[in-house]
C-alpha cells in the first residue's frame, strides 16, 4: 500500500468516525417526549475501504 493510499484510508476512517459521533450526538440532543424520531447506529469497526460494519441499528 502506498503512502498516499494509506493516508487516504486513514482520512476516510477518521471522517466516518467523526460523522458517526455527530449522528449519535444529534440523536441524543433531539427533544424527548417518550420517543426519538430517528435511529442510532453503533459501528463495530471501519475497514480500510471506509466501509462500516454494523453491530446494532435500532430505531428508538
N, C-alpha and C. Protein backbone atom coordinates (compact mmCIF):
# COMPACT_ATOMS: atom_id res chain seq x y z
N UNK A 1 0.85 -1.19 0.00
CA UNK A 1 0.00 0.00 0.00
C UNK A 1 0.89 1.25 0.00
N UNK A 2 0.61 2.15 -0.89
CA UNK A 2 1.43 3.35 -0.98
C UNK A 2 1.10 4.29 0.18
N UNK A 3 1.98 5.24 0.39
CA UNK A 3 1.75 6.19 1.48
C UNK A 3 0.47 6.98 1.24
N UNK A 4 0.25 7.37 -0.01
CA UNK A 4 -0.95 8.16 -0.33
C UNK A 4 -2.22 7.36 -0.05
N UNK A 5 -2.22 6.10 -0.46
CA UNK A 5 -3.40 5.25 -0.22
C UNK A 5 -3.63 5.07 1.27
N UNK A 6 -2.56 4.89 2.00
CA UNK A 6 -2.66 4.71 3.45
C UNK A 6 -3.22 5.97 4.10
N UNK A 7 -2.71 7.12 3.65
CA UNK A 7 -3.17 8.39 4.20
C UNK A 7 -4.65 8.62 3.89
N UNK A 8 -5.05 8.29 2.66
CA UNK A 8 -6.45 8.46 2.28
C UNK A 8 -7.36 7.54 3.09
N UNK A 9 -6.93 6.30 3.30
CA UNK A 9 -7.73 5.36 4.08
C UNK A 9 -7.90 5.87 5.51
N UNK A 10 -6.83 6.38 6.08
CA UNK A 10 -6.88 6.90 7.45
C UNK A 10 -7.80 8.12 7.52
N UNK A 11 -7.71 8.98 6.51
CA UNK A 11 -8.55 10.17 6.47
C UNK A 11 -10.03 9.80 6.40
N UNK A 12 -10.36 8.85 5.53
CA UNK A 12 -11.76 8.45 5.39
C UNK A 12 -12.27 7.79 6.66
N UNK A 13 -11.42 6.98 7.29
CA UNK A 13 -11.81 6.32 8.54
C UNK A 13 -12.12 7.37 9.60
N UNK A 14 -11.25 8.37 9.70
CA UNK A 14 -11.45 9.43 10.69
C UNK A 14 -12.72 10.22 10.39
N UNK A 15 -12.93 10.53 9.11
CA UNK A 15 -14.10 11.32 8.73
C UNK A 15 -15.40 10.58 9.04
N UNK A 16 -15.42 9.27 8.77
CA UNK A 16 -16.62 8.48 9.04
C UNK A 16 -16.85 8.36 10.55
N UNK A 17 -15.76 8.19 11.31
CA UNK A 17 -15.88 8.10 12.77
C UNK A 17 -16.46 9.40 13.33
N UNK A 18 -15.99 10.53 12.82
CA UNK A 18 -16.49 11.83 13.26
C UNK A 18 -17.97 11.98 12.89
N UNK A 19 -18.33 11.52 11.69
CA UNK A 19 -19.72 11.59 11.24
C UNK A 19 -20.62 10.75 12.16
N UNK A 20 -20.18 9.53 12.48
CA UNK A 20 -20.97 8.66 13.35
C UNK A 20 -21.13 9.29 14.73
N UNK A 21 -20.06 9.91 15.23
CA UNK A 21 -20.14 10.56 16.54
C UNK A 21 -21.13 11.71 16.50
N UNK A 22 -21.13 12.48 15.41
CA UNK A 22 -22.05 13.61 15.32
C UNK A 22 -23.50 13.13 15.20
N UNK A 23 -23.70 12.00 14.51
CA UNK A 23 -25.05 11.43 14.41
C UNK A 23 -25.54 11.01 15.79
N UNK A 24 -24.67 10.39 16.58
CA UNK A 24 -25.04 9.95 17.93
C UNK A 24 -25.37 11.16 18.81
N UNK A 25 -24.58 12.22 18.71
CA UNK A 25 -24.83 13.42 19.49
C UNK A 25 -26.15 14.07 19.07
N UNK A 26 -26.40 14.11 17.77
CA UNK A 26 -27.65 14.67 17.26
C UNK A 26 -28.86 13.90 17.80
N UNK A 27 -28.74 12.57 17.80
CA UNK A 27 -29.83 11.73 18.30
C UNK A 27 -30.09 12.00 19.78
N UNK A 28 -29.01 12.24 20.54
CA UNK A 28 -29.16 12.50 21.97
C UNK A 28 -29.74 13.88 22.24
N UNK A 29 -29.48 14.83 21.33
CA UNK A 29 -29.91 16.20 21.57
C UNK A 29 -31.33 16.49 21.09
N UNK A 30 -31.96 15.51 20.44
CA UNK A 30 -33.33 15.71 19.98
C UNK A 30 -34.29 15.79 21.17
N UNK A 31 -35.36 16.57 21.05
CA UNK A 31 -36.32 16.68 22.14
C UNK A 31 -36.98 15.33 22.42
N UNK A 32 -37.09 14.99 23.70
CA UNK A 32 -37.63 13.69 24.04
C UNK A 32 -39.02 13.82 24.67
N UNK A 33 -39.99 13.24 23.99
CA UNK A 33 -41.33 13.17 24.57
C UNK A 33 -41.73 11.70 24.58
N UNK A 34 -40.82 10.89 25.08
CA UNK A 34 -41.06 9.45 25.14
C UNK A 34 -40.41 8.71 23.98
N UNK A 35 -40.30 9.37 22.83
CA UNK A 35 -39.69 8.72 21.68
C UNK A 35 -38.84 9.70 20.90
N UNK A 36 -37.83 9.15 20.26
CA UNK A 36 -36.96 9.96 19.41
C UNK A 36 -37.17 9.51 17.98
N UNK A 37 -37.48 10.43 17.11
CA UNK A 37 -37.66 10.09 15.70
C UNK A 37 -36.28 9.97 15.06
N UNK A 38 -35.94 8.79 14.60
CA UNK A 38 -34.63 8.58 14.02
C UNK A 38 -34.03 7.30 14.56
N UNK A 39 -32.83 7.02 14.12
CA UNK A 39 -32.17 5.80 14.56
C UNK A 39 -30.75 6.09 14.99
N UNK A 40 -30.27 5.30 15.91
CA UNK A 40 -28.90 5.42 16.38
C UNK A 40 -28.13 4.23 15.86
N UNK A 41 -27.03 4.50 15.22
CA UNK A 41 -26.23 3.43 14.63
C UNK A 41 -24.92 3.31 15.40
N UNK A 42 -24.61 2.11 15.82
CA UNK A 42 -23.35 1.85 16.51
C UNK A 42 -22.45 1.06 15.56
N UNK A 43 -21.31 1.60 15.26
CA UNK A 43 -20.41 0.93 14.34
C UNK A 43 -19.42 0.07 15.12
N UNK A 44 -19.26 -1.17 14.69
CA UNK A 44 -18.31 -2.06 15.31
C UNK A 44 -16.91 -1.71 14.87
N UNK A 45 -16.72 -1.63 13.57
CA UNK A 45 -15.41 -1.26 13.05
C UNK A 45 -15.54 -0.73 11.64
N UNK A 46 -14.52 0.02 11.24
CA UNK A 46 -14.49 0.58 9.90
C UNK A 46 -13.23 0.05 9.23
N UNK A 47 -13.39 -0.62 8.11
CA UNK A 47 -12.22 -1.19 7.46
C UNK A 47 -11.50 -0.15 6.61
N UNK A 48 -10.41 -0.55 5.97
CA UNK A 48 -9.55 0.37 5.23
C UNK A 48 -10.27 1.03 4.05
N UNK A 49 -11.32 0.41 3.55
CA UNK A 49 -12.06 0.99 2.43
C UNK A 49 -13.11 2.00 2.89
N UNK A 50 -13.22 2.17 4.19
CA UNK A 50 -14.19 3.13 4.71
C UNK A 50 -15.57 2.53 4.89
N UNK A 51 -15.69 1.22 4.76
CA UNK A 51 -16.98 0.58 4.94
C UNK A 51 -17.23 0.34 6.42
N UNK A 52 -18.46 0.53 6.83
CA UNK A 52 -18.80 0.38 8.24
C UNK A 52 -19.48 -0.97 8.46
N UNK A 53 -18.97 -1.73 9.42
CA UNK A 53 -19.60 -2.99 9.80
C UNK A 53 -20.52 -2.70 10.97
N UNK A 54 -21.80 -2.87 10.76
CA UNK A 54 -22.77 -2.53 11.81
C UNK A 54 -23.02 -3.70 12.74
N UNK A 55 -23.03 -3.42 14.04
CA UNK A 55 -23.38 -4.46 15.01
C UNK A 55 -24.76 -4.18 15.60
N UNK A 56 -25.23 -2.94 15.43
CA UNK A 56 -26.51 -2.59 16.04
C UNK A 56 -27.13 -1.42 15.29
N UNK A 57 -28.35 -1.54 14.88
CA UNK A 57 -29.04 -0.43 14.24
C UNK A 57 -30.50 -0.48 14.66
N UNK A 58 -30.89 0.46 15.52
CA UNK A 58 -32.24 0.45 16.06
C UNK A 58 -32.92 1.78 15.82
N UNK A 59 -34.23 1.75 15.68
CA UNK A 59 -35.00 2.98 15.67
C UNK A 59 -35.65 3.13 17.03
N UNK A 60 -35.26 4.15 17.76
CA UNK A 60 -35.83 4.35 19.09
C UNK A 60 -36.96 5.35 19.02
